[in-house]
Amino acid sequence: MPRWMALDIGQKRTGIAVTDMANLIATPIGYMATRELKIFLQQYFRDEKVDRVVVGWPLQMNHNDSESVKYIEPRVNELKKLYPDIEFIYYDERFTSKMAFDAMIAGGLGQKKRREKGLVDQISAVLILQSYMDNLKYRAQ
């Protein structure tokens, strides 16, 4: 069964998470400079079968797109053209950065480690992907 992937795309960094082979559990695989994302995905998709990419979509409290969409949408459109066989899904990412930071505190990470923004990005990607999968399970019931 192909894996699913989540991307938390930011102007500077992108957090990345993938599922296990059964698409049950989301796991972080890292973060990188957003400008390096295409090169990373090219190699990853060559080595691993991925058929769905869940992209964090930043919405405001009133459900309108946030200002960050202008950086995310062009990158995703480019990826869609490069990988037409992969389904790209936008998924609400509101509060994931706050939840990631809270999870880091709850997990006992020190203040110095919590300042590492890339770590927040990759945890956010996990939260986006796990939330998406949980939502699918809930709808199926």
N, C-alpha and C. Protein backbone atom coordinates (compact mmCIF):
# COMPACT_ATOMS: atom_id res chain seq x y z
N MET A 1 0.85 -1.18 0.00
CA MET A 1 0.00 0.00 0.00
C MET A 1 0.89 1.24 0.00
N PRO A 2 0.61 2.20 -0.86
CA PRO A 2 1.43 3.43 -0.90
C PRO A 2 1.26 4.26 0.37
N ARG A 3 2.32 4.97 0.69
CA ARG A 3 2.29 5.87 1.84
C ARG A 3 1.56 7.16 1.46
N TRP A 4 1.19 7.90 2.50
CA TRP A 4 0.72 9.26 2.35
C TRP A 4 1.77 10.17 2.98
N MET A 5 1.82 11.39 2.51
CA MET A 5 2.80 12.36 3.00
C MET A 5 2.07 13.65 3.37
N ALA A 6 2.62 14.38 4.32
CA ALA A 6 2.12 15.71 4.64
C ALA A 6 3.26 16.70 4.51
N LEU A 7 2.91 17.88 4.01
CA LEU A 7 3.86 18.98 3.88
C LEU A 7 3.31 20.19 4.62
N ASP A 8 4.11 20.74 5.50
CA ASP A 8 3.80 22.01 6.13
C ASP A 8 4.74 23.03 5.50
N ILE A 9 4.28 23.62 4.41
CA ILE A 9 5.12 24.49 3.59
C ILE A 9 5.12 25.91 4.15
N GLY A 10 6.31 26.41 4.40
CA GLY A 10 6.47 27.78 4.83
C GLY A 10 7.36 28.53 3.85
N GLN A 11 7.50 29.81 4.05
CA GLN A 11 8.36 30.61 3.17
C GLN A 11 9.80 30.12 3.22
N LYS A 12 10.27 29.79 4.41
CA LYS A 12 11.66 29.40 4.58
C LYS A 12 11.87 27.90 4.70
N ARG A 13 11.00 27.24 5.48
CA ARG A 13 11.17 25.81 5.77
C ARG A 13 9.89 25.05 5.47
N THR A 14 10.07 23.74 5.23
CA THR A 14 8.95 22.84 5.05
C THR A 14 9.14 21.64 5.96
N GLY A 15 8.12 21.36 6.75
CA GLY A 15 8.11 20.17 7.58
C GLY A 15 7.47 19.03 6.80
N ILE A 16 7.98 17.82 7.00
CA ILE A 16 7.51 16.67 6.23
C ILE A 16 7.23 15.51 7.17
N ALA A 17 6.10 14.84 6.91
CA ALA A 17 5.73 13.64 7.65
C ALA A 17 5.18 12.63 6.65
N VAL A 18 5.27 11.35 7.00
CA VAL A 18 4.71 10.28 6.17
C VAL A 18 3.98 9.29 7.07
N THR A 19 3.15 8.48 6.43
CA THR A 19 2.47 7.42 7.15
C THR A 19 3.30 6.15 7.11
N ASP A 20 2.91 5.22 7.94
CA ASP A 20 3.44 3.87 7.83
C ASP A 20 2.81 3.23 6.58
N MET A 21 3.18 2.01 6.29
CA MET A 21 2.69 1.35 5.07
C MET A 21 1.18 1.09 5.11
N ALA A 22 0.59 1.02 6.29
CA ALA A 22 -0.85 0.79 6.40
C ALA A 22 -1.65 2.09 6.50
N ASN A 23 -0.97 3.22 6.41
CA ASN A 23 -1.61 4.54 6.51
C ASN A 23 -2.40 4.71 7.81
N LEU A 24 -1.77 4.30 8.92
CA LEU A 24 -2.41 4.42 10.23
C LEU A 24 -1.74 5.46 11.13
N ILE A 25 -0.42 5.57 11.03
CA ILE A 25 0.34 6.42 11.94
C ILE A 25 1.22 7.39 11.16
N ALA A 26 1.16 8.65 11.54
CA ALA A 26 2.01 9.67 10.92
C ALA A 26 3.31 9.79 11.70
N THR A 27 4.41 9.90 10.96
CA THR A 27 5.74 9.99 11.55
C THR A 27 6.52 11.11 10.88
N PRO A 28 7.25 11.92 11.65
CA PRO A 28 8.05 12.96 11.01
C PRO A 28 9.24 12.36 10.28
N ILE A 29 9.57 12.94 9.13
CA ILE A 29 10.81 12.52 8.47
C ILE A 29 11.79 13.68 8.35
N GLY A 30 11.38 14.86 8.80
CA GLY A 30 12.32 15.97 8.84
C GLY A 30 11.75 17.28 8.35
N TYR A 31 12.65 18.21 8.16
CA TYR A 31 12.31 19.51 7.60
C TYR A 31 13.50 19.96 6.77
N MET A 32 13.24 20.91 5.90
CA MET A 32 14.30 21.41 5.03
C MET A 32 13.94 22.80 4.55
N ALA A 33 14.91 23.43 3.93
CA ALA A 33 14.64 24.72 3.29
C ALA A 33 13.63 24.47 2.18
N THR A 34 12.61 25.30 2.11
CA THR A 34 11.55 25.13 1.12
C THR A 34 12.11 25.13 -0.30
N ARG A 35 13.16 25.88 -0.53
CA ARG A 35 13.74 25.93 -1.88
C ARG A 35 14.33 24.58 -2.30
N GLU A 36 14.59 23.69 -1.34
CA GLU A 36 15.17 22.38 -1.63
C GLU A 36 14.11 21.27 -1.72
N LEU A 37 12.84 21.63 -1.56
CA LEU A 37 11.78 20.64 -1.49
C LEU A 37 11.65 19.80 -2.76
N LYS A 38 11.70 20.43 -3.91
CA LYS A 38 11.56 19.68 -5.17
C LYS A 38 12.62 18.60 -5.31
N ILE A 39 13.84 18.92 -4.98
CA ILE A 39 14.94 17.95 -5.09
C ILE A 39 14.71 16.79 -4.12
N PHE A 40 14.31 17.11 -2.90
CA PHE A 40 14.05 16.06 -1.91
C PHE A 40 12.91 15.15 -2.38
N LEU A 41 11.81 15.74 -2.84
CA LEU A 41 10.66 14.93 -3.25
C LEU A 41 10.99 14.06 -4.45
N GLN A 42 11.77 14.57 -5.36
CA GLN A 42 12.16 13.77 -6.52
C GLN A 42 12.83 12.47 -6.08
N GLN A 43 13.75 12.58 -5.15
CA GLN A 43 14.45 11.39 -4.64
C GLN A 43 13.51 10.52 -3.81
N TYR A 44 12.73 11.14 -2.94
CA TYR A 44 11.85 10.37 -2.07
C TYR A 44 10.82 9.58 -2.88
N PHE A 45 10.19 10.24 -3.87
CA PHE A 45 9.18 9.57 -4.68
C PHE A 45 9.78 8.48 -5.55
N ARG A 46 11.04 8.59 -5.86
CA ARG A 46 11.72 7.54 -6.62
C ARG A 46 11.92 6.30 -5.74
N ASP A 47 12.20 6.51 -4.45
CA ASP A 47 12.49 5.41 -3.53
C ASP A 47 11.26 4.83 -2.83
N GLU A 48 10.23 5.66 -2.64
CA GLU A 48 9.04 5.25 -1.90
C GLU A 48 7.79 5.52 -2.73
N LYS A 49 6.82 4.65 -2.62
CA LYS A 49 5.55 4.83 -3.31
C LYS A 49 4.65 5.71 -2.45
N VAL A 50 4.31 6.87 -2.98
CA VAL A 50 3.42 7.82 -2.32
C VAL A 50 2.31 8.14 -3.30
N ASP A 51 1.06 8.03 -2.87
CA ASP A 51 -0.03 8.35 -3.80
C ASP A 51 -0.89 9.52 -3.35
N ARG A 52 -0.57 10.08 -2.16
CA ARG A 52 -1.34 11.21 -1.66
C ARG A 52 -0.43 12.12 -0.85
N VAL A 53 -0.53 13.42 -1.11
CA VAL A 53 0.21 14.41 -0.33
C VAL A 53 -0.81 15.38 0.26
N VAL A 54 -0.81 15.47 1.57
CA VAL A 54 -1.70 16.37 2.29
C VAL A 54 -0.90 17.62 2.60
N VAL A 55 -1.38 18.74 2.11
CA VAL A 55 -0.68 20.02 2.26
C VAL A 55 -1.42 20.87 3.27
N GLY A 56 -0.70 21.32 4.29
CA GLY A 56 -1.31 22.21 5.27
C GLY A 56 -1.74 23.51 4.61
N TRP A 57 -3.01 23.85 4.79
CA TRP A 57 -3.58 25.05 4.17
C TRP A 57 -3.93 26.03 5.28
N PRO A 58 -3.26 27.17 5.32
CA PRO A 58 -3.47 28.13 6.41
C PRO A 58 -4.74 28.96 6.23
N LEU A 59 -5.66 28.76 7.14
CA LEU A 59 -6.91 29.52 7.14
C LEU A 59 -6.95 30.44 8.35
N GLN A 60 -7.68 31.52 8.21
CA GLN A 60 -7.90 32.42 9.33
C GLN A 60 -9.12 31.93 10.11
N MET A 61 -9.39 32.53 11.23
CA MET A 61 -10.52 32.11 12.05
C MET A 61 -11.86 32.24 11.32
N ASN A 62 -11.97 33.18 10.37
CA ASN A 62 -13.21 33.35 9.62
C ASN A 62 -13.27 32.44 8.38
N HIS A 63 -12.36 31.48 8.29
CA HIS A 63 -12.28 30.48 7.21
C HIS A 63 -11.75 31.03 5.88
N ASN A 64 -11.31 32.27 5.86
CA ASN A 64 -10.67 32.81 4.66
C ASN A 64 -9.21 32.38 4.63
N ASP A 65 -8.65 32.31 3.42
CA ASP A 65 -7.24 31.96 3.28
C ASP A 65 -6.38 33.02 3.98
N SER A 66 -5.30 32.57 4.60
CA SER A 66 -4.38 33.51 5.22
C SER A 66 -3.41 34.06 4.16
N GLU A 67 -2.62 35.00 4.58
CA GLU A 67 -1.65 35.64 3.69
C GLU A 67 -0.61 34.63 3.16
N SER A 68 -0.34 33.59 3.92
CA SER A 68 0.67 32.60 3.54
C SER A 68 0.31 31.80 2.30
N VAL A 69 -0.94 31.78 1.94
CA VAL A 69 -1.39 31.01 0.76
C VAL A 69 -0.65 31.44 -0.50
N LYS A 70 -0.30 32.70 -0.59
CA LYS A 70 0.36 33.18 -1.80
C LYS A 70 1.75 32.56 -1.99
N TYR A 71 2.33 32.00 -0.92
CA TYR A 71 3.62 31.30 -1.04
C TYR A 71 3.42 29.80 -1.27
N ILE A 72 2.35 29.28 -0.72
CA ILE A 72 2.12 27.84 -0.76
C ILE A 72 1.53 27.39 -2.09
N GLU A 73 0.50 28.07 -2.54
CA GLU A 73 -0.23 27.62 -3.74
C GLU A 73 0.65 27.48 -4.98
N PRO A 74 1.53 28.43 -5.29
CA PRO A 74 2.38 28.25 -6.48
C PRO A 74 3.30 27.04 -6.37
N ARG A 75 3.82 26.78 -5.19
CA ARG A 75 4.69 25.61 -5.00
C ARG A 75 3.91 24.31 -5.19
N VAL A 76 2.71 24.26 -4.66
CA VAL A 76 1.90 23.06 -4.81
C VAL A 76 1.48 22.86 -6.26
N ASN A 77 1.12 23.94 -6.93
CA ASN A 77 0.76 23.82 -8.35
C ASN A 77 1.92 23.28 -9.18
N GLU A 78 3.11 23.70 -8.84
CA GLU A 78 4.31 23.20 -9.52
C GLU A 78 4.50 21.70 -9.25
N LEU A 79 4.28 21.30 -8.01
CA LEU A 79 4.41 19.88 -7.66
C LEU A 79 3.34 19.04 -8.35
N LYS A 80 2.14 19.57 -8.46
CA LYS A 80 1.06 18.85 -9.15
C LYS A 80 1.43 18.57 -10.60
N LYS A 81 2.08 19.53 -11.24
CA LYS A 81 2.51 19.33 -12.63
C LYS A 81 3.62 18.29 -12.73
N LEU A 82 4.54 18.31 -11.77
CA LEU A 82 5.64 17.35 -11.79
C LEU A 82 5.18 15.93 -11.47
N TYR A 83 4.15 15.80 -10.63
CA TYR A 83 3.69 14.50 -10.16
C TYR A 83 2.18 14.35 -10.37
N PRO A 84 1.77 14.23 -11.63
CA PRO A 84 0.33 14.17 -11.92
C PRO A 84 -0.36 12.92 -11.38
N ASP A 85 0.39 11.88 -11.06
CA ASP A 85 -0.20 10.64 -10.55
C ASP A 85 -0.40 10.67 -9.03
N ILE A 86 0.05 11.73 -8.40
CA ILE A 86 -0.10 11.86 -6.95
C ILE A 86 -1.22 12.85 -6.67
N GLU A 87 -2.10 12.46 -5.75
CA GLU A 87 -3.21 13.32 -5.36
C GLU A 87 -2.71 14.32 -4.31
N PHE A 88 -2.93 15.59 -4.55
CA PHE A 88 -2.58 16.65 -3.59
C PHE A 88 -3.86 17.17 -2.96
N ILE A 89 -3.90 17.16 -1.65
CA ILE A 89 -5.09 17.55 -0.90
C ILE A 89 -4.71 18.68 0.05
N TYR A 90 -5.49 19.75 0.04
CA TYR A 90 -5.28 20.83 1.00
C TYR A 90 -6.07 20.51 2.27
N TYR A 91 -5.43 20.73 3.42
CA TYR A 91 -6.08 20.41 4.69
C TYR A 91 -5.81 21.54 5.69
N ASP A 92 -6.85 21.95 6.37
CA ASP A 92 -6.79 23.04 7.34
C ASP A 92 -5.67 22.81 8.36
N GLU A 93 -4.77 23.77 8.46
CA GLU A 93 -3.65 23.63 9.38
C GLU A 93 -3.71 24.60 10.56
N ARG A 94 -4.86 25.23 10.75
CA ARG A 94 -4.97 26.18 11.86
C ARG A 94 -4.56 25.53 13.17
N PHE A 95 -3.82 26.24 13.95
CA PHE A 95 -3.39 25.86 15.30
C PHE A 95 -2.31 24.78 15.34
N THR A 96 -1.86 24.25 14.21
CA THR A 96 -0.88 23.15 14.29
C THR A 96 0.44 23.62 14.87
N SER A 97 0.87 24.83 14.56
CA SER A 97 2.13 25.31 15.13
C SER A 97 2.03 25.45 16.64
N LYS A 98 0.92 25.96 17.12
CA LYS A 98 0.70 26.09 18.57
C LYS A 98 0.63 24.71 19.21
N MET A 99 -0.09 23.78 18.57
CA MET A 99 -0.20 22.42 19.10
C MET A 99 1.17 21.74 19.11
N ALA A 100 1.95 21.97 18.06
CA ALA A 100 3.30 21.38 18.00
C ALA A 100 4.17 21.92 19.14
N PHE A 101 4.11 23.22 19.36
CA PHE A 101 4.89 23.82 20.44
C PHE A 101 4.45 23.28 21.79
N ASP A 102 3.13 23.15 22.00
CA ASP A 102 2.61 22.60 23.25
C ASP A 102 3.05 21.15 23.43
N ALA A 103 3.07 20.39 22.33
CA ALA A 103 3.51 18.99 22.40
C ALA A 103 4.99 18.90 22.78
N MET A 104 5.77 19.84 22.29
CA MET A 104 7.19 19.86 22.63
C MET A 104 7.38 20.12 24.13
N ILE A 105 6.59 21.02 24.67
CA ILE A 105 6.65 21.31 26.11
C ILE A 105 6.21 20.08 26.90
N ALA A 106 5.08 19.50 26.49
CA ALA A 106 4.56 18.32 27.19
C ALA A 106 5.54 17.15 27.11
N GLY A 107 6.29 17.08 26.02
CA GLY A 107 7.28 16.02 25.85
C GLY A 107 8.57 16.27 26.59
N GLY A 108 8.66 17.43 27.25
CA GLY A 108 9.82 17.71 28.08
C GLY A 108 11.02 18.29 27.34
N LEU A 109 10.81 18.78 26.13
CA LEU A 109 11.93 19.39 25.40
C LEU A 109 12.34 20.68 26.07
N GLY A 110 13.62 20.89 26.17
CA GLY A 110 14.15 22.09 26.78
C GLY A 110 13.89 23.33 25.94
N GLN A 111 14.07 24.48 26.56
CA GLN A 111 13.81 25.75 25.91
C GLN A 111 14.66 25.93 24.65
N LYS A 112 15.90 25.53 24.70
CA LYS A 112 16.79 25.69 23.55
C LYS A 112 16.29 24.87 22.36
N LYS A 113 15.88 23.64 22.59
CA LYS A 113 15.40 22.77 21.52
C LYS A 113 14.06 23.29 20.97
N ARG A 114 13.22 23.88 21.84
CA ARG A 114 11.92 24.40 21.40
C ARG A 114 12.07 25.61 20.48
N ARG A 115 13.20 26.28 20.52
CA ARG A 115 13.45 27.42 19.65
C ARG A 115 13.77 26.99 18.22
N GLU A 116 14.02 25.71 18.01
CA GLU A 116 14.35 25.19 16.69
C GLU A 116 13.07 25.14 15.85
N LYS A 117 12.90 26.13 15.00
CA LYS A 117 11.65 26.28 14.25
C LYS A 117 11.38 25.12 13.31
N GLY A 118 12.41 24.51 12.79
CA GLY A 118 12.23 23.38 11.90
C GLY A 118 11.58 22.20 12.61
N LEU A 119 11.88 22.05 13.90
CA LEU A 119 11.26 20.99 14.68
C LEU A 119 9.76 21.23 14.79
N VAL A 120 9.36 22.47 15.00
CA VAL A 120 7.94 22.82 15.04
C VAL A 120 7.30 22.49 13.69
N ASP A 121 7.99 22.78 12.59
CA ASP A 121 7.45 22.53 11.26
C ASP A 121 7.22 21.04 11.01
N GLN A 122 8.16 20.20 11.43
CA GLN A 122 7.97 18.77 11.18
C GLN A 122 6.90 18.19 12.09
N ILE A 123 6.80 18.66 13.33
CA ILE A 123 5.73 18.20 14.21
C ILE A 123 4.38 18.67 13.67
N SER A 124 4.34 19.87 13.13
CA SER A 124 3.11 20.38 12.51
C SER A 124 2.69 19.49 11.35
N ALA A 125 3.64 19.04 10.55
CA ALA A 125 3.33 18.13 9.44
C ALA A 125 2.72 16.83 9.95
N VAL A 126 3.26 16.32 11.06
CA VAL A 126 2.70 15.10 11.67
C VAL A 126 1.26 15.36 12.11
N LEU A 127 1.03 16.49 12.76
CA LEU A 127 -0.32 16.82 13.24
C LEU A 127 -1.30 16.97 12.08
N ILE A 128 -0.87 17.59 10.99
CA ILE A 128 -1.73 17.74 9.82
C ILE A 128 -2.11 16.37 9.26
N LEU A 129 -1.12 15.51 9.10
CA LEU A 129 -1.36 14.19 8.52
C LEU A 129 -2.20 13.31 9.44
N GLN A 130 -1.89 13.30 10.73
CA GLN A 130 -2.66 12.47 11.65
C GLN A 130 -4.10 12.97 11.75
N SER A 131 -4.29 14.27 11.77
CA SER A 131 -5.63 14.84 11.81
C SER A 131 -6.42 14.47 10.55
N TYR A 132 -5.76 14.54 9.41
CA TYR A 132 -6.41 14.15 8.16
C TYR A 132 -6.84 12.68 8.21
N MET A 133 -5.96 11.81 8.65
CA MET A 133 -6.28 10.37 8.72
C MET A 133 -7.40 10.11 9.73
N ASP A 134 -7.34 10.77 10.89
CA ASP A 134 -8.39 10.60 11.89
C ASP A 134 -9.74 11.07 11.36
N ASN A 135 -9.72 12.17 10.62
CA ASN A 135 -10.95 12.69 10.02
C ASN A 135 -11.54 11.68 9.03
N LEU A 136 -10.69 11.05 8.22
CA LEU A 136 -11.18 10.03 7.28
C LEU A 136 -11.82 8.86 8.03
N LYS A 137 -11.18 8.42 9.11
CA LYS A 137 -11.73 7.30 9.90
C LYS A 137 -13.08 7.69 10.51
N TYR A 138 -13.16 8.91 11.01
CA TYR A 138 -14.39 9.38 11.65
C TYR A 138 -15.52 9.41 10.62
N ARG A 139 -15.24 9.92 9.43
CA ARG A 139 -16.26 9.98 8.38
C ARG A 139 -16.72 8.61 7.93
N ALA A 140 -15.84 7.63 8.02
CA ALA A 140 -16.16 6.27 7.56
C ALA A 140 -17.07 5.53 8.54
N GLN A 141 -17.17 6.04 9.76
CA GLN A 141 -18.01 5.36 10.78
C GLN A 141 -19.47 5.61 10.59
